[in-house]
Each structure stands twice: as structure tokens, then as C-alpha cells.
Amino acid sequence: MKWFGFQKPKLKLLFVCKANLCRSPMAESITQHIIEEYGYDKLIKVSSAGVDQGFQGRRPLPVVLELLEDHDFRTKRLKSSTFKRKMGNSFDYIICMDREVKENVQSRVKDSESNQILLFNHFLNEETDVEDPVLTQAFYETFVHIHEGCYQILTKLMATLQED
């Protein structure tokens, strides 16, 4: 399918956390790297957002940028954006880092859009939260968890694309 002369992405993912300064930008950067590595960058679009409005336009925390850059993930384009209601129908999957964020997102979108709002750990067969490293100070552990999870998420979602 062509979209303004380009192939339209078949799958659009949005990672959402509280402020869009740690967890969701990690997931965005890691996922972008994976899809480029496997040549899926024309098929999959990935973004991130936060439910709190006070951080719009800010870069991720320095410790997050350092972790990503130390592992050769790109960070140049990462800037906090706020989740808006219209995003509910702009993405195929809205992947939330914790239950509080998921409830916040669900309250902002129409009921018909809520079926694709899932917890990050849902793809890992868990219904638990990805802990906020700002609260736990476990930035590296969170990075490792998100890194491993992004591979599993993409593996499961690519299987659904191949079924189509």
C-alpha cells in the first residue's frame, strides 16, 4: 500500500509511560533499532508519549540517554510528548508501562479503541507493571527488562502481520 509515494506502515506502535522521560523513550529507541536492524522500518512506525502534560518537549533523563547511547541506540530524536485522545485511533497498539498509565490512557479514548491498549508486560505473559526507575533508581534493570521485552513484543506482533 502506497502512502504519499511511500509504503504506508502496516503497524503503528505507541509506548506510553507517565512522563515520557524514561521507560517509553527507552522502548521507542530500542524498538526502532530492532526494526531497522531487521529491515522492518518501512512496515512499522514506533513512537512514545507520556500521560503527564508538564514534560512536553523535554529530553529523556541523562541517565536514560547514557544507557541507550552506551548500547548504541539512537537518542537524537527522543523528546517527550503528551498522550492526546486522538492518538487512540492513530496507533494499532498502545503499549503502557504500568496499570495506572493504562487506566489513564483508557479514560482518554473511546471505548471502541480500548482493545489495543495493553500493558508492556502483557506481551511477556505477565500482568505486572514495568517499575518506574525514577522511583526505584533501578535504571539499568529497567533498561534490560525493556530491551528483552521489545524483542518479544516485536516477535509476537510480526507473527500477526505475517498472518494477514
N, C-alpha and C. Protein backbone atom coordinates (compact mmCIF):
# COMPACT_ATOMS: atom_id res chain seq x y z
N MET A 1 0.83 -1.17 0.00
CA MET A 1 0.00 0.00 0.00
C MET A 1 0.89 1.24 0.00
N LYS A 2 0.64 2.14 -0.94
CA LYS A 2 1.43 3.37 -1.04
C LYS A 2 0.73 4.49 -0.27
N TRP A 3 1.55 5.33 0.32
CA TRP A 3 1.06 6.42 1.15
C TRP A 3 1.90 7.64 0.83
N PHE A 4 1.35 8.57 0.03
CA PHE A 4 2.09 9.75 -0.43
C PHE A 4 3.42 9.35 -1.08
N GLY A 5 3.38 8.31 -1.89
CA GLY A 5 4.58 7.89 -2.59
C GLY A 5 5.46 6.94 -1.80
N PHE A 6 5.13 6.72 -0.54
CA PHE A 6 5.91 5.82 0.30
C PHE A 6 5.01 4.67 0.73
N GLN A 7 5.63 3.59 1.15
CA GLN A 7 4.84 2.49 1.67
C GLN A 7 4.29 2.88 3.03
N LYS A 8 2.98 2.76 3.21
CA LYS A 8 2.34 3.09 4.47
C LYS A 8 2.70 2.03 5.51
N PRO A 9 3.06 2.45 6.73
CA PRO A 9 3.37 1.45 7.76
C PRO A 9 2.17 0.54 8.01
N LYS A 10 2.44 -0.74 8.17
CA LYS A 10 1.37 -1.70 8.43
C LYS A 10 1.06 -1.80 9.91
N LEU A 11 2.00 -1.37 10.73
CA LEU A 11 1.83 -1.50 12.17
C LEU A 11 2.38 -0.25 12.84
N LYS A 12 1.54 0.38 13.67
CA LYS A 12 1.96 1.58 14.38
C LYS A 12 1.86 1.33 15.87
N LEU A 13 3.00 1.50 16.56
CA LEU A 13 3.10 1.23 17.99
C LEU A 13 3.37 2.52 18.75
N LEU A 14 2.71 2.67 19.89
CA LEU A 14 2.96 3.80 20.78
C LEU A 14 3.23 3.26 22.17
N PHE A 15 4.40 3.58 22.70
CA PHE A 15 4.75 3.22 24.07
C PHE A 15 4.42 4.42 24.97
N VAL A 16 3.75 4.15 26.09
CA VAL A 16 3.32 5.23 26.97
C VAL A 16 3.73 4.94 28.41
N CYS A 17 4.32 5.96 29.04
CA CYS A 17 4.60 5.90 30.47
C CYS A 17 4.10 7.20 31.10
N LYS A 18 4.53 7.48 32.29
CA LYS A 18 4.00 8.64 33.00
C LYS A 18 4.46 9.96 32.39
N ALA A 19 5.76 10.17 32.28
CA ALA A 19 6.29 11.47 31.84
C ALA A 19 6.96 11.44 30.47
N ASN A 20 7.17 10.26 29.92
CA ASN A 20 7.87 10.10 28.65
C ASN A 20 9.32 10.56 28.76
N LEU A 21 9.93 10.26 29.92
CA LEU A 21 11.32 10.63 30.15
C LEU A 21 12.23 9.44 30.42
N CYS A 22 11.65 8.26 30.67
CA CYS A 22 12.47 7.08 30.98
C CYS A 22 12.01 5.84 30.21
N ARG A 23 10.95 5.20 30.69
CA ARG A 23 10.56 3.89 30.17
C ARG A 23 10.11 3.91 28.71
N SER A 24 9.17 4.79 28.38
CA SER A 24 8.68 4.76 26.99
C SER A 24 9.72 5.24 25.97
N PRO A 25 10.57 6.24 26.29
CA PRO A 25 11.61 6.55 25.30
C PRO A 25 12.64 5.42 25.15
N MET A 26 12.90 4.68 26.26
CA MET A 26 13.76 3.51 26.13
C MET A 26 13.15 2.53 25.14
N ALA A 27 11.87 2.24 25.32
CA ALA A 27 11.19 1.28 24.44
C ALA A 27 11.15 1.78 23.00
N GLU A 28 10.92 3.06 22.80
CA GLU A 28 10.89 3.62 21.45
C GLU A 28 12.25 3.45 20.77
N SER A 29 13.31 3.85 21.46
CA SER A 29 14.64 3.79 20.87
C SER A 29 15.07 2.35 20.58
N ILE A 30 14.83 1.47 21.52
CA ILE A 30 15.22 0.06 21.35
C ILE A 30 14.41 -0.58 20.22
N THR A 31 13.11 -0.34 20.20
CA THR A 31 12.26 -0.92 19.16
C THR A 31 12.65 -0.39 17.79
N GLN A 32 12.90 0.90 17.70
CA GLN A 32 13.32 1.49 16.42
C GLN A 32 14.60 0.83 15.92
N HIS A 33 15.53 0.61 16.82
CA HIS A 33 16.78 -0.05 16.47
C HIS A 33 16.52 -1.47 15.93
N ILE A 34 15.67 -2.20 16.62
CA ILE A 34 15.38 -3.58 16.22
C ILE A 34 14.73 -3.62 14.84
N ILE A 35 13.73 -2.76 14.62
CA ILE A 35 13.03 -2.81 13.33
C ILE A 35 13.94 -2.37 12.19
N GLU A 36 14.86 -1.46 12.45
CA GLU A 36 15.83 -1.08 11.42
C GLU A 36 16.82 -2.22 11.18
N GLU A 37 17.25 -2.86 12.25
CA GLU A 37 18.20 -3.97 12.14
C GLU A 37 17.64 -5.11 11.28
N TYR A 38 16.35 -5.36 11.40
CA TYR A 38 15.73 -6.45 10.65
C TYR A 38 15.05 -5.99 9.36
N GLY A 39 15.19 -4.71 9.02
CA GLY A 39 14.65 -4.20 7.77
C GLY A 39 13.15 -3.98 7.77
N TYR A 40 12.56 -3.79 8.94
CA TYR A 40 11.11 -3.57 9.04
C TYR A 40 10.76 -2.11 9.21
N ASP A 41 11.71 -1.22 9.02
CA ASP A 41 11.46 0.20 9.30
C ASP A 41 10.43 0.83 8.36
N LYS A 42 10.14 0.21 7.23
CA LYS A 42 9.08 0.71 6.34
C LYS A 42 7.72 0.13 6.73
N LEU A 43 7.73 -0.95 7.49
CA LEU A 43 6.49 -1.62 7.87
C LEU A 43 5.97 -1.19 9.24
N ILE A 44 6.86 -0.77 10.12
CA ILE A 44 6.48 -0.47 11.49
C ILE A 44 6.89 0.94 11.85
N LYS A 45 5.96 1.67 12.43
CA LYS A 45 6.24 3.01 12.95
C LYS A 45 6.15 2.92 14.48
N VAL A 46 7.11 3.53 15.15
CA VAL A 46 7.12 3.49 16.62
C VAL A 46 7.29 4.90 17.17
N SER A 47 6.55 5.17 18.24
CA SER A 47 6.60 6.47 18.92
C SER A 47 6.43 6.24 20.41
N SER A 48 6.54 7.32 21.17
CA SER A 48 6.29 7.24 22.61
C SER A 48 5.64 8.53 23.09
N ALA A 49 4.99 8.42 24.25
CA ALA A 49 4.32 9.57 24.84
C ALA A 49 4.20 9.34 26.34
N GLY A 50 3.81 10.40 27.03
CA GLY A 50 3.56 10.32 28.47
C GLY A 50 2.19 10.88 28.79
N VAL A 51 1.61 10.43 29.89
CA VAL A 51 0.28 10.92 30.26
C VAL A 51 0.34 12.24 31.02
N ASP A 52 1.47 12.56 31.64
CA ASP A 52 1.61 13.84 32.33
C ASP A 52 1.95 14.94 31.32
N GLN A 53 1.30 16.07 31.45
CA GLN A 53 1.48 17.15 30.48
C GLN A 53 2.69 18.04 30.74
N GLY A 54 3.24 18.04 31.91
CA GLY A 54 4.26 19.00 32.27
C GLY A 54 5.64 18.78 31.70
N PHE A 55 5.82 17.79 30.85
CA PHE A 55 7.16 17.45 30.36
C PHE A 55 7.32 17.59 28.86
N GLN A 56 6.32 18.12 28.19
CA GLN A 56 6.30 18.26 26.74
C GLN A 56 7.60 18.89 26.23
N GLY A 57 8.24 18.22 25.26
CA GLY A 57 9.44 18.76 24.62
C GLY A 57 10.75 18.50 25.33
N ARG A 58 10.70 17.94 26.54
CA ARG A 58 11.93 17.67 27.28
C ARG A 58 12.60 16.39 26.77
N ARG A 59 13.90 16.37 26.89
CA ARG A 59 14.67 15.17 26.54
C ARG A 59 14.56 14.16 27.68
N PRO A 60 14.77 12.88 27.39
CA PRO A 60 14.81 11.88 28.47
C PRO A 60 15.87 12.25 29.50
N LEU A 61 15.76 11.66 30.67
CA LEU A 61 16.72 11.92 31.72
C LEU A 61 18.13 11.55 31.25
N PRO A 62 19.15 12.27 31.72
CA PRO A 62 20.53 11.98 31.29
C PRO A 62 20.95 10.52 31.50
N VAL A 63 20.53 9.92 32.59
CA VAL A 63 20.90 8.53 32.83
C VAL A 63 20.30 7.61 31.77
N VAL A 64 19.11 7.92 31.29
CA VAL A 64 18.46 7.13 30.24
C VAL A 64 19.21 7.31 28.92
N LEU A 65 19.52 8.55 28.60
CA LEU A 65 20.28 8.82 27.36
C LEU A 65 21.62 8.09 27.39
N GLU A 66 22.29 8.13 28.52
CA GLU A 66 23.59 7.48 28.65
C GLU A 66 23.47 5.96 28.47
N LEU A 67 22.47 5.36 29.11
CA LEU A 67 22.26 3.91 28.95
C LEU A 67 22.02 3.53 27.49
N LEU A 68 21.15 4.27 26.85
CA LEU A 68 20.84 3.98 25.45
C LEU A 68 22.06 4.16 24.55
N GLU A 69 22.74 5.27 24.71
CA GLU A 69 23.91 5.56 23.87
C GLU A 69 25.05 4.58 24.13
N ASP A 70 25.23 4.17 25.38
CA ASP A 70 26.27 3.18 25.70
C ASP A 70 26.01 1.83 25.03
N HIS A 71 24.76 1.58 24.67
CA HIS A 71 24.40 0.32 24.00
C HIS A 71 24.07 0.55 22.52
N ASP A 72 24.54 1.67 21.99
CA ASP A 72 24.43 2.00 20.56
C ASP A 72 23.01 2.20 20.05
N PHE A 73 22.12 2.67 20.92
CA PHE A 73 20.77 3.04 20.50
C PHE A 73 20.73 4.54 20.28
N ARG A 74 20.00 4.95 19.25
CA ARG A 74 19.92 6.37 18.92
C ARG A 74 19.01 7.12 19.89
N THR A 75 19.40 8.35 20.19
CA THR A 75 18.61 9.15 21.12
C THR A 75 18.30 10.55 20.58
N LYS A 76 18.85 10.89 19.45
CA LYS A 76 18.77 12.26 18.94
C LYS A 76 17.33 12.76 18.81
N ARG A 77 16.42 11.92 18.37
CA ARG A 77 15.05 12.35 18.10
C ARG A 77 14.13 12.22 19.31
N LEU A 78 14.63 11.72 20.42
CA LEU A 78 13.78 11.49 21.58
C LEU A 78 13.45 12.80 22.29
N LYS A 79 12.16 13.11 22.35
CA LYS A 79 11.65 14.26 23.11
C LYS A 79 10.29 13.88 23.65
N SER A 80 10.02 14.33 24.85
CA SER A 80 8.76 14.00 25.48
C SER A 80 7.58 14.61 24.75
N SER A 81 6.54 13.81 24.57
CA SER A 81 5.28 14.31 24.04
C SER A 81 4.17 13.82 24.96
N THR A 82 3.07 14.52 24.96
CA THR A 82 1.94 14.20 25.83
C THR A 82 0.92 13.37 25.07
N PHE A 83 0.42 12.31 25.70
CA PHE A 83 -0.61 11.49 25.09
C PHE A 83 -1.88 12.32 24.92
N LYS A 84 -2.40 12.30 23.72
CA LYS A 84 -3.63 13.02 23.41
C LYS A 84 -4.69 12.03 22.93
N ARG A 85 -5.94 12.38 23.14
CA ARG A 85 -7.06 11.50 22.81
C ARG A 85 -6.99 10.98 21.37
N LYS A 86 -6.64 11.85 20.42
CA LYS A 86 -6.63 11.44 19.01
C LYS A 86 -5.63 10.32 18.73
N MET A 87 -4.67 10.14 19.63
CA MET A 87 -3.70 9.05 19.47
C MET A 87 -4.38 7.69 19.59
N GLY A 88 -5.54 7.66 20.22
CA GLY A 88 -6.26 6.40 20.41
C GLY A 88 -6.56 5.68 19.12
N ASN A 89 -6.85 6.43 18.07
CA ASN A 89 -7.15 5.76 16.79
C ASN A 89 -6.03 5.94 15.77
N SER A 90 -4.90 6.49 16.20
CA SER A 90 -3.76 6.68 15.30
C SER A 90 -2.75 5.55 15.37
N PHE A 91 -2.88 4.70 16.38
CA PHE A 91 -1.91 3.62 16.58
C PHE A 91 -2.64 2.28 16.68
N ASP A 92 -2.02 1.24 16.16
CA ASP A 92 -2.59 -0.09 16.24
C ASP A 92 -2.49 -0.65 17.65
N TYR A 93 -1.38 -0.37 18.30
CA TYR A 93 -1.17 -0.83 19.67
C TYR A 93 -0.64 0.33 20.51
N ILE A 94 -1.29 0.54 21.64
CA ILE A 94 -0.80 1.48 22.64
C ILE A 94 -0.32 0.63 23.80
N ILE A 95 0.97 0.65 24.01
CA ILE A 95 1.61 -0.26 24.98
C ILE A 95 2.02 0.57 26.20
N CYS A 96 1.35 0.31 27.30
CA CYS A 96 1.52 1.09 28.53
C CYS A 96 2.47 0.40 29.49
N MET A 97 3.27 1.19 30.16
CA MET A 97 4.28 0.64 31.06
C MET A 97 3.74 0.19 32.42
N ASP A 98 2.61 0.74 32.83
CA ASP A 98 2.02 0.28 34.09
C ASP A 98 0.51 0.44 34.06
N ARG A 99 -0.15 -0.15 35.05
CA ARG A 99 -1.62 -0.15 35.09
C ARG A 99 -2.21 1.25 35.25
N GLU A 100 -1.57 2.09 36.04
CA GLU A 100 -2.06 3.45 36.22
C GLU A 100 -2.05 4.22 34.90
N VAL A 101 -0.98 4.07 34.15
CA VAL A 101 -0.89 4.71 32.84
C VAL A 101 -1.95 4.14 31.90
N LYS A 102 -2.13 2.82 31.92
CA LYS A 102 -3.13 2.19 31.06
C LYS A 102 -4.53 2.73 31.37
N GLU A 103 -4.87 2.84 32.64
CA GLU A 103 -6.18 3.37 33.03
C GLU A 103 -6.33 4.82 32.56
N ASN A 104 -5.27 5.60 32.68
CA ASN A 104 -5.29 7.00 32.24
C ASN A 104 -5.54 7.07 30.74
N VAL A 105 -4.82 6.26 29.98
CA VAL A 105 -4.99 6.24 28.53
C VAL A 105 -6.41 5.81 28.17
N GLN A 106 -6.90 4.75 28.80
CA GLN A 106 -8.25 4.26 28.51
C GLN A 106 -9.31 5.31 28.80
N SER A 107 -9.09 6.12 29.81
CA SER A 107 -10.07 7.15 30.15
C SER A 107 -10.10 8.28 29.12
N ARG A 108 -9.06 8.38 28.29
CA ARG A 108 -8.97 9.46 27.30
C ARG A 108 -9.44 9.06 25.92
N VAL A 109 -9.63 7.78 25.68
CA VAL A 109 -10.01 7.34 24.33
C VAL A 109 -11.40 6.71 24.35
N LYS A 110 -11.97 6.56 23.19
CA LYS A 110 -13.29 5.95 23.05
C LYS A 110 -13.22 4.47 23.40
N ASP A 111 -14.32 3.94 23.90
CA ASP A 111 -14.37 2.52 24.28
C ASP A 111 -13.97 1.60 23.14
N SER A 112 -14.35 1.94 21.93
CA SER A 112 -14.05 1.07 20.79
C SER A 112 -12.56 0.96 20.50
N GLU A 113 -11.77 1.90 21.02
CA GLU A 113 -10.33 1.89 20.77
C GLU A 113 -9.56 1.16 21.86
N SER A 114 -10.21 0.86 22.98
CA SER A 114 -9.52 0.33 24.16
C SER A 114 -8.99 -1.09 24.00
N ASN A 115 -9.42 -1.83 22.96
CA ASN A 115 -8.99 -3.21 22.85
C ASN A 115 -7.51 -3.34 22.47
N GLN A 116 -6.90 -2.28 21.98
CA GLN A 116 -5.49 -2.35 21.61
C GLN A 116 -4.59 -1.60 22.60
N ILE A 117 -5.11 -1.33 23.76
CA ILE A 117 -4.33 -0.69 24.83
C ILE A 117 -3.92 -1.79 25.79
N LEU A 118 -2.64 -2.10 25.79
CA LEU A 118 -2.15 -3.25 26.54
C LEU A 118 -0.97 -2.85 27.42
N LEU A 119 -0.76 -3.64 28.46
CA LEU A 119 0.44 -3.45 29.28
C LEU A 119 1.65 -4.02 28.54
N PHE A 120 2.78 -3.37 28.69
CA PHE A 120 4.04 -3.85 28.12
C PHE A 120 4.27 -5.30 28.50
N ASN A 121 4.10 -5.60 29.79
CA ASN A 121 4.37 -6.96 30.27
C ASN A 121 3.32 -7.98 29.83
N HIS A 122 2.21 -7.54 29.26
CA HIS A 122 1.21 -8.46 28.70
C HIS A 122 1.85 -9.33 27.63
N PHE A 123 2.74 -8.74 26.86
CA PHE A 123 3.41 -9.47 25.78
C PHE A 123 4.41 -10.47 26.34
N LEU A 124 4.73 -10.34 27.62
CA LEU A 124 5.65 -11.26 28.29
C LEU A 124 4.86 -12.25 29.14
N ASN A 125 3.54 -12.32 28.88
CA ASN A 125 2.62 -13.19 29.62
C ASN A 125 2.58 -12.86 31.10
N GLU A 126 2.68 -11.58 31.42
CA GLU A 126 2.57 -11.09 32.79
C GLU A 126 1.60 -9.92 32.79
N GLU A 127 0.91 -9.72 33.88
CA GLU A 127 0.04 -8.55 34.01
C GLU A 127 0.58 -7.64 35.11
N THR A 128 1.88 -7.46 35.10
CA THR A 128 2.53 -6.62 36.10
C THR A 128 3.03 -5.34 35.45
N ASP A 129 3.49 -4.43 36.28
CA ASP A 129 3.99 -3.15 35.80
C ASP A 129 5.48 -3.20 35.52
N VAL A 130 5.91 -2.36 34.58
CA VAL A 130 7.34 -2.06 34.43
C VAL A 130 7.58 -0.93 35.42
N GLU A 131 8.32 -1.21 36.45
CA GLU A 131 8.53 -0.23 37.52
C GLU A 131 9.19 1.03 36.99
N ASP A 132 8.81 2.16 37.55
CA ASP A 132 9.37 3.46 37.16
C ASP A 132 10.75 3.60 37.79
N PRO A 133 11.81 3.68 36.99
CA PRO A 133 13.15 3.76 37.55
C PRO A 133 13.43 5.06 38.31
N VAL A 134 12.62 6.07 38.08
CA VAL A 134 12.77 7.30 38.87
C VAL A 134 12.45 7.00 40.33
N LEU A 135 11.50 6.11 40.56
CA LEU A 135 11.12 5.74 41.92
C LEU A 135 12.03 4.67 42.51
N THR A 136 12.43 3.70 41.68
CA THR A 136 13.21 2.58 42.18
C THR A 136 14.72 2.81 42.11
N GLN A 137 15.13 3.75 41.27
CA GLN A 137 16.55 4.01 40.97
C GLN A 137 17.21 2.81 40.30
N ALA A 138 16.42 1.90 39.74
CA ALA A 138 16.93 0.71 39.06
C ALA A 138 16.91 0.95 37.55
N PHE A 139 17.65 1.93 37.10
CA PHE A 139 17.63 2.31 35.70
C PHE A 139 18.18 1.19 34.80
N TYR A 140 19.28 0.59 35.18
CA TYR A 140 19.87 -0.45 34.34
C TYR A 140 18.94 -1.66 34.27
N GLU A 141 18.38 -2.08 35.41
CA GLU A 141 17.48 -3.23 35.43
C GLU A 141 16.25 -2.97 34.56
N THR A 142 15.73 -1.74 34.62
CA THR A 142 14.58 -1.38 33.80
C THR A 142 14.97 -1.42 32.32
N PHE A 143 16.14 -0.91 32.00
CA PHE A 143 16.63 -0.94 30.62
C PHE A 143 16.70 -2.38 30.11
N VAL A 144 17.28 -3.28 30.90
CA VAL A 144 17.42 -4.68 30.50
C VAL A 144 16.04 -5.30 30.28
N HIS A 145 15.12 -5.05 31.19
CA HIS A 145 13.76 -5.60 31.08
C HIS A 145 13.09 -5.10 29.81
N ILE A 146 13.18 -3.80 29.55
CA ILE A 146 12.55 -3.24 28.35
C ILE A 146 13.23 -3.75 27.09
N HIS A 147 14.54 -3.85 27.10
CA HIS A 147 15.28 -4.37 25.95
C HIS A 147 14.80 -5.78 25.59
N GLU A 148 14.76 -6.65 26.58
CA GLU A 148 14.31 -8.02 26.34
C GLU A 148 12.85 -8.04 25.90
N GLY A 149 12.03 -7.21 26.53
CA GLY A 149 10.61 -7.17 26.21
C GLY A 149 10.33 -6.69 24.80
N CYS A 150 11.09 -5.73 24.33
CA CYS A 150 10.87 -5.20 22.97
C CYS A 150 11.06 -6.29 21.92
N TYR A 151 12.04 -7.16 22.10
CA TYR A 151 12.22 -8.27 21.16
C TYR A 151 11.02 -9.20 21.18
N GLN A 152 10.51 -9.49 22.37
CA GLN A 152 9.36 -10.39 22.47
C GLN A 152 8.10 -9.75 21.87
N ILE A 153 7.92 -8.47 22.13
CA ILE A 153 6.77 -7.76 21.58
C ILE A 153 6.80 -7.80 20.05
N LEU A 154 7.95 -7.46 19.49
CA LEU A 154 8.05 -7.45 18.03
C LEU A 154 7.90 -8.85 17.43
N THR A 155 8.41 -9.84 18.09
CA THR A 155 8.25 -11.22 17.61
C THR A 155 6.76 -11.58 17.53
N LYS A 156 6.01 -11.24 18.57
CA LYS A 156 4.59 -11.57 18.58
C LYS A 156 3.81 -10.74 17.57
N LEU A 157 4.12 -9.46 17.46
CA LEU A 157 3.40 -8.60 16.53
C LEU A 157 3.74 -8.91 15.07
N MET A 158 4.97 -9.26 14.79
CA MET A 158 5.35 -9.62 13.42
C MET A 158 4.62 -10.89 13.00
N ALA A 159 4.37 -11.79 13.93
CA ALA A 159 3.62 -13.02 13.61
C ALA A 159 2.21 -12.64 13.16
N THR A 160 1.60 -11.63 13.77
CA THR A 160 0.26 -11.21 13.37
C THR A 160 0.28 -10.57 11.98
N LEU A 161 1.35 -9.85 11.65
CA LEU A 161 1.47 -9.25 10.31
C LEU A 161 1.59 -10.32 9.24
N GLN A 162 2.32 -11.37 9.54
CA GLN A 162 2.52 -12.44 8.57
C GLN A 162 1.25 -13.24 8.33
N GLU A 163 0.32 -13.20 9.30
CA GLU A 163 -0.97 -13.90 9.15
C GLU A 163 -1.87 -13.16 8.19
N ASP A 164 -1.68 -11.83 8.08
CA ASP A 164 -2.55 -11.00 7.19
C ASP A 164 -2.29 -11.25 5.73
